[in-house]
Amino acid sequence: SGPVPFGSGIIKISHGELPNPPPLTIRILTGFPVYFTGLPFELVTPTGATILRHYVNLKECPPFVIESQGIGFGNYEMERPDILRIFMGHRGPSEEIFVVETDIDDMQMEYVGAVVERIRKVGPKEVVYFPVLMKKGRIGVRISVLCDEESLDRVVDLLLSETTTFGVRMRRENRRTLRREIRTLDTPYGTIRVKVGYDQKGRMVKRHVEFDDVKELAEQEGLPFSKLLDEIRSKVDGLS
């Protein structure tokens, strides 16, 4: 969502008069970017605020490709159109992400692995850790996290509180990804999921079988993974 517009003044409701915007609306949208228009109308109701709070994950609207839109008209007579528009779409080929990193050389590897698992639970896009050569020839570990702005603070807080580091490095980067879609495929042994990737022109360029599904079916049927994968790949290649 973009910044939420608020009116001003006093509004009348069934229970009497309230400041505009109402206190409940302010409470629901605490943490969202807002701006005041100066218009003497209730531009955001508690119901509308609740819908935003429930469905909107990002406080700022990222670049995206529009697929469709919905338009609603109100009955306020004011200097600007009383219109609400909702756009549906997907992110474009590039998106902005944060890279958060820290180097550690005084922490047991068991704890590093446990911290990485905790970081994965707060919603980053990727977490990796690998050995690095640090000062005085010591072998250390670099933890590198890709995340969006929504999970940035939680990732940083975990690194500072759960590891021995005294600081982290952060930088913005752009990355380009394929548009992804999860398809289901029926096989003689059961249903599996297939991750499909599309390029900017909408062409299918990648197909990836979810191995967890293959593993589960292979164990149920008592089949070698390779045999089941060979049978599934022939069906996956026929996806369009």
Protein backbone atom coordinates (compact mmCIF):
# COMPACT_ATOMS: atom_id res chain seq x y z
CA SER A 1 0.00 0.00 0.00
CA GLY A 2 1.04 3.58 -0.55
CA PRO A 3 0.71 6.19 2.22
CA VAL A 4 -2.82 6.21 3.63
CA PRO A 5 -4.73 9.54 3.26
CA PHE A 6 -6.46 10.97 6.33
CA GLY A 7 -9.04 13.73 6.59
CA SER A 8 -9.29 16.26 9.40
CA GLY A 9 -11.81 18.07 11.58
CA ILE A 10 -14.76 16.46 13.36
CA ILE A 11 -17.00 13.67 12.07
CA LYS A 12 -20.46 12.66 13.27
CA ILE A 13 -21.30 9.02 13.94
CA SER A 14 -24.18 7.25 15.65
CA HIS A 15 -22.47 7.63 19.04
CA GLY A 16 -21.80 11.35 18.67
CA GLU A 17 -18.85 13.36 17.39
CA LEU A 18 -15.26 12.14 17.03
CA PRO A 19 -12.00 13.67 15.86
CA ASN A 20 -11.10 12.81 12.28
CA PRO A 21 -9.54 10.29 11.80
CA PRO A 22 -11.20 8.30 14.60
CA PRO A 23 -8.95 6.96 17.39
CA LEU A 24 -9.72 3.35 16.40
CA THR A 25 -8.53 3.96 12.84
CA ILE A 26 -5.29 5.47 14.15
CA ARG A 27 -4.75 2.51 16.44
CA ILE A 28 -5.33 -0.04 13.67
CA LEU A 29 -2.95 1.72 11.26
CA THR A 30 -0.17 2.40 13.76
CA GLY A 31 3.08 1.70 11.92
CA PHE A 32 1.68 2.48 8.46
CA PRO A 33 2.83 5.55 6.48
CA VAL A 34 0.04 8.15 6.38
CA TYR A 35 -0.52 11.74 5.30
CA PHE A 36 -3.16 14.37 6.10
CA THR A 37 -5.07 15.89 3.20
CA GLY A 38 -6.88 18.63 5.14
CA LEU A 39 -10.22 17.48 3.70
CA PRO A 40 -13.16 17.48 6.17
CA PHE A 41 -14.17 13.89 5.36
CA GLU A 42 -13.55 10.47 6.89
CA LEU A 43 -11.35 9.07 4.12
CA VAL A 44 -10.41 5.87 5.97
CA THR A 45 -12.92 4.05 8.16
CA PRO A 46 -12.01 1.48 10.83
CA THR A 47 -13.31 -1.22 8.47
CA GLY A 48 -11.06 -0.04 5.65
CA ALA A 49 -8.13 0.22 8.06
CA THR A 50 -8.74 -3.36 9.20
CA ILE A 51 -8.69 -4.60 5.60
CA LEU A 52 -5.36 -2.85 5.03
CA ARG A 53 -3.90 -4.24 8.24
CA HIS A 54 -4.97 -7.79 7.34
CA TYR A 55 -3.92 -7.92 3.69
CA VAL A 56 -1.01 -5.51 3.34
CA ASN A 57 2.44 -6.84 4.27
CA LEU A 58 4.56 -4.02 2.86
CA LYS A 59 4.36 -0.50 4.21
CA GLU A 60 5.66 0.91 0.90
CA CYS A 61 4.46 -0.14 -2.52
CA PRO A 62 7.34 -1.77 -4.46
CA PRO A 63 7.70 -1.57 -8.25
CA PHE A 64 5.39 -4.09 -9.89
CA VAL A 65 3.74 -5.05 -13.19
CA ILE A 66 -0.01 -4.30 -13.30
CA GLU A 67 -2.28 -7.19 -14.30
CA SER A 68 -5.69 -5.74 -13.40
CA GLN A 69 -7.37 -3.05 -11.34
CA GLY A 70 -10.56 -2.44 -9.39
CA ILE A 71 -12.24 0.96 -9.03
CA GLY A 72 -14.82 2.02 -6.45
CA PHE A 73 -16.71 5.35 -6.35
CA GLY A 74 -17.94 7.07 -3.19
CA ASN A 75 -20.55 9.80 -2.77
CA TYR A 76 -18.48 12.56 -1.13
CA GLU A 77 -18.67 15.88 -2.98
CA MET A 78 -15.23 17.40 -2.60
CA GLU A 79 -12.42 19.01 -4.57
CA ARG A 80 -10.84 15.67 -5.46
CA PRO A 81 -12.52 12.55 -6.93
CA ASP A 82 -13.94 10.20 -4.30
CA ILE A 83 -12.39 7.12 -5.88
CA LEU A 84 -10.59 4.09 -4.49
CA ARG A 85 -8.39 2.05 -6.83
CA ILE A 86 -6.84 -1.34 -6.13
CA PHE A 87 -4.20 -2.77 -8.45
CA MET A 88 -3.32 -6.43 -8.82
CA GLY A 89 -0.02 -7.50 -10.31
CA HIS A 90 3.34 -9.10 -9.78
CA ARG A 91 6.76 -7.75 -9.10
CA GLY A 92 8.82 -6.69 -12.07
CA PRO A 93 12.04 -8.35 -13.20
CA SER A 94 14.09 -6.42 -10.61
CA GLU A 95 13.45 -5.93 -6.92
CA GLU A 96 15.34 -4.15 -4.17
CA ILE A 97 16.64 -6.28 -1.32
CA PHE A 98 18.93 -5.86 1.67
CA VAL A 99 22.10 -7.85 2.24
CA VAL A 100 22.97 -8.23 5.94
CA GLU A 101 26.31 -9.82 6.85
CA THR A 102 28.56 -10.43 9.81
CA ASP A 103 31.81 -12.35 10.37
CA ILE A 104 32.31 -14.49 13.49
CA ASP A 105 35.39 -16.35 14.72
CA ASP A 106 34.61 -17.02 18.39
CA MET A 107 31.40 -19.03 18.31
CA GLN A 108 30.80 -22.79 18.20
CA MET A 109 29.46 -24.05 14.88
CA GLU A 110 26.51 -25.79 16.55
CA TYR A 111 25.29 -22.41 17.77
CA VAL A 112 25.86 -20.79 14.38
CA GLY A 113 23.61 -23.41 12.77
CA ALA A 114 20.95 -22.87 15.42
CA VAL A 115 21.00 -19.09 14.89
CA VAL A 116 20.68 -19.53 11.13
CA GLU A 117 17.58 -21.68 11.66
CA ARG A 118 16.06 -18.96 13.84
CA ILE A 119 16.78 -16.34 11.20
CA ARG A 120 15.05 -18.48 8.56
CA LYS A 121 11.86 -18.38 10.65
CA VAL A 122 11.52 -14.56 10.50
CA GLY A 123 10.99 -14.52 6.74
CA PRO A 124 14.24 -13.69 4.89
CA LYS A 125 14.60 -14.62 1.25
CA GLU A 126 17.81 -16.57 1.84
CA VAL A 127 20.38 -17.30 4.55
CA VAL A 128 23.81 -18.80 3.91
CA TYR A 129 26.95 -19.20 6.00
CA PHE A 130 30.40 -20.21 4.88
CA PRO A 131 34.02 -20.22 6.13
CA VAL A 132 36.22 -17.13 5.79
CA LEU A 133 39.87 -16.47 6.67
CA MET A 134 40.08 -13.73 9.30
CA LYS A 135 42.91 -11.83 11.00
CA LYS A 136 45.82 -13.76 12.54
CA GLY A 137 44.96 -16.69 10.28
CA ARG A 138 41.83 -17.63 12.21
CA ILE A 139 39.06 -19.50 10.41
CA GLY A 140 35.73 -17.76 10.89
CA VAL A 141 32.19 -17.91 9.55
CA ARG A 142 30.34 -15.31 7.51
CA ILE A 143 26.55 -15.25 7.88
CA SER A 144 24.90 -13.58 4.88
CA VAL A 145 21.17 -12.85 4.77
CA LEU A 146 19.01 -11.61 1.89
CA CYS A 147 15.82 -9.96 3.13
CA ASP A 148 13.27 -7.27 2.35
CA GLU A 149 12.67 -4.16 4.41
CA GLU A 150 9.84 -5.78 6.35
CA SER A 151 12.09 -8.43 7.94
CA LEU A 152 15.28 -6.31 8.08
CA ASP A 153 15.00 -5.21 11.72
CA ARG A 154 14.19 -8.73 12.93
CA VAL A 155 17.18 -10.17 11.07
CA VAL A 156 19.54 -7.52 12.49
CA ASP A 157 18.17 -7.97 16.02
CA LEU A 158 18.72 -11.73 15.86
CA LEU A 159 22.29 -11.40 14.61
CA LEU A 160 23.16 -8.88 17.34
CA SER A 161 21.43 -10.74 20.16
CA GLU A 162 22.06 -14.39 19.26
CA THR A 163 25.67 -14.27 18.01
CA THR A 164 28.94 -12.96 19.45
CA THR A 165 29.23 -10.17 16.87
CA PHE A 166 29.27 -6.50 17.88
CA GLY A 167 28.03 -5.23 14.52
CA VAL A 168 26.58 -6.11 11.13
CA ARG A 169 27.00 -4.72 7.61
CA MET A 170 23.95 -3.75 5.57
CA ARG A 171 23.58 -2.70 1.95
CA ARG A 172 20.85 -2.37 -0.65
CA GLU A 173 21.08 -4.39 -3.83
CA ASN A 174 18.88 -5.14 -6.82
CA ARG A 175 18.16 -8.66 -7.95
CA ARG A 176 16.27 -10.09 -10.89
CA THR A 177 14.19 -13.24 -10.58
CA LEU A 178 11.82 -15.27 -12.68
CA ARG A 179 8.11 -15.00 -11.93
CA ARG A 180 7.27 -18.18 -10.07
CA GLU A 181 4.21 -20.37 -9.99
CA ILE A 182 3.50 -23.63 -8.18
CA ARG A 183 1.72 -26.20 -10.36
CA THR A 184 0.46 -29.63 -9.34
CA LEU A 185 1.02 -32.75 -11.41
CA ASP A 186 -0.86 -36.03 -11.07
CA THR A 187 1.26 -39.19 -11.33
CA PRO A 188 0.37 -42.89 -10.95
CA TYR A 189 1.80 -42.65 -7.42
CA GLY A 190 0.19 -39.42 -6.26
CA THR A 191 0.30 -35.65 -6.70
CA ILE A 192 3.54 -33.67 -6.75
CA ARG A 193 4.27 -29.96 -6.86
CA VAL A 194 6.30 -28.40 -9.65
CA LYS A 195 7.84 -24.92 -9.41
CA VAL A 196 7.59 -23.15 -12.76
CA GLY A 197 9.53 -20.02 -13.74
CA TYR A 198 8.50 -17.46 -16.39
CA ASP A 199 10.64 -14.76 -17.97
CA GLN A 200 9.61 -11.14 -18.65
CA LYS A 201 7.76 -12.15 -21.82
CA GLY A 202 5.74 -14.80 -20.01
CA ARG A 203 7.66 -17.72 -21.46
CA MET A 204 8.12 -20.81 -19.30
CA VAL A 205 11.88 -21.24 -18.91
CA LYS A 206 12.27 -23.36 -15.76
CA ARG A 207 10.57 -26.40 -14.23
CA HIS A 208 11.65 -27.78 -10.89
CA VAL A 209 10.12 -30.78 -9.14
CA GLU A 210 9.69 -30.37 -5.38
CA PHE A 211 11.96 -33.09 -4.05
CA ASP A 212 10.09 -33.38 -0.73
CA ASP A 213 7.06 -34.65 -2.67
CA VAL A 214 9.22 -37.12 -4.62
CA LYS A 215 10.83 -38.34 -1.40
CA GLU A 216 7.46 -38.89 0.27
CA LEU A 217 6.01 -40.82 -2.69
CA ALA A 218 9.17 -42.90 -3.12
CA GLU A 219 9.07 -43.93 0.53
CA GLN A 220 5.36 -44.76 0.32
CA GLU A 221 5.82 -46.92 -2.80
CA GLY A 222 9.21 -48.38 -1.86
CA LEU A 223 10.77 -47.07 -5.10
CA PRO A 224 14.29 -45.71 -5.72
CA PHE A 225 14.36 -41.93 -6.00
CA SER A 226 16.04 -42.12 -9.42
CA LYS A 227 13.33 -44.37 -10.90
CA LEU A 228 10.51 -42.16 -9.66
CA LEU A 229 12.28 -38.99 -10.81
CA ASP A 230 12.78 -40.41 -14.31
CA GLU A 231 9.06 -41.16 -14.61
CA ILE A 232 8.06 -37.75 -13.27
CA ARG A 233 10.46 -35.77 -15.47
CA SER A 234 8.81 -37.05 -18.64
CA LYS A 235 5.50 -35.63 -17.41
CA VAL A 236 7.09 -32.38 -16.21
CA ASP A 237 8.65 -31.80 -19.64
CA GLY A 238 5.14 -31.82 -21.08
CA LEU A 239 3.95 -28.89 -18.95
CA SER A 240 3.04 -25.78 -20.89
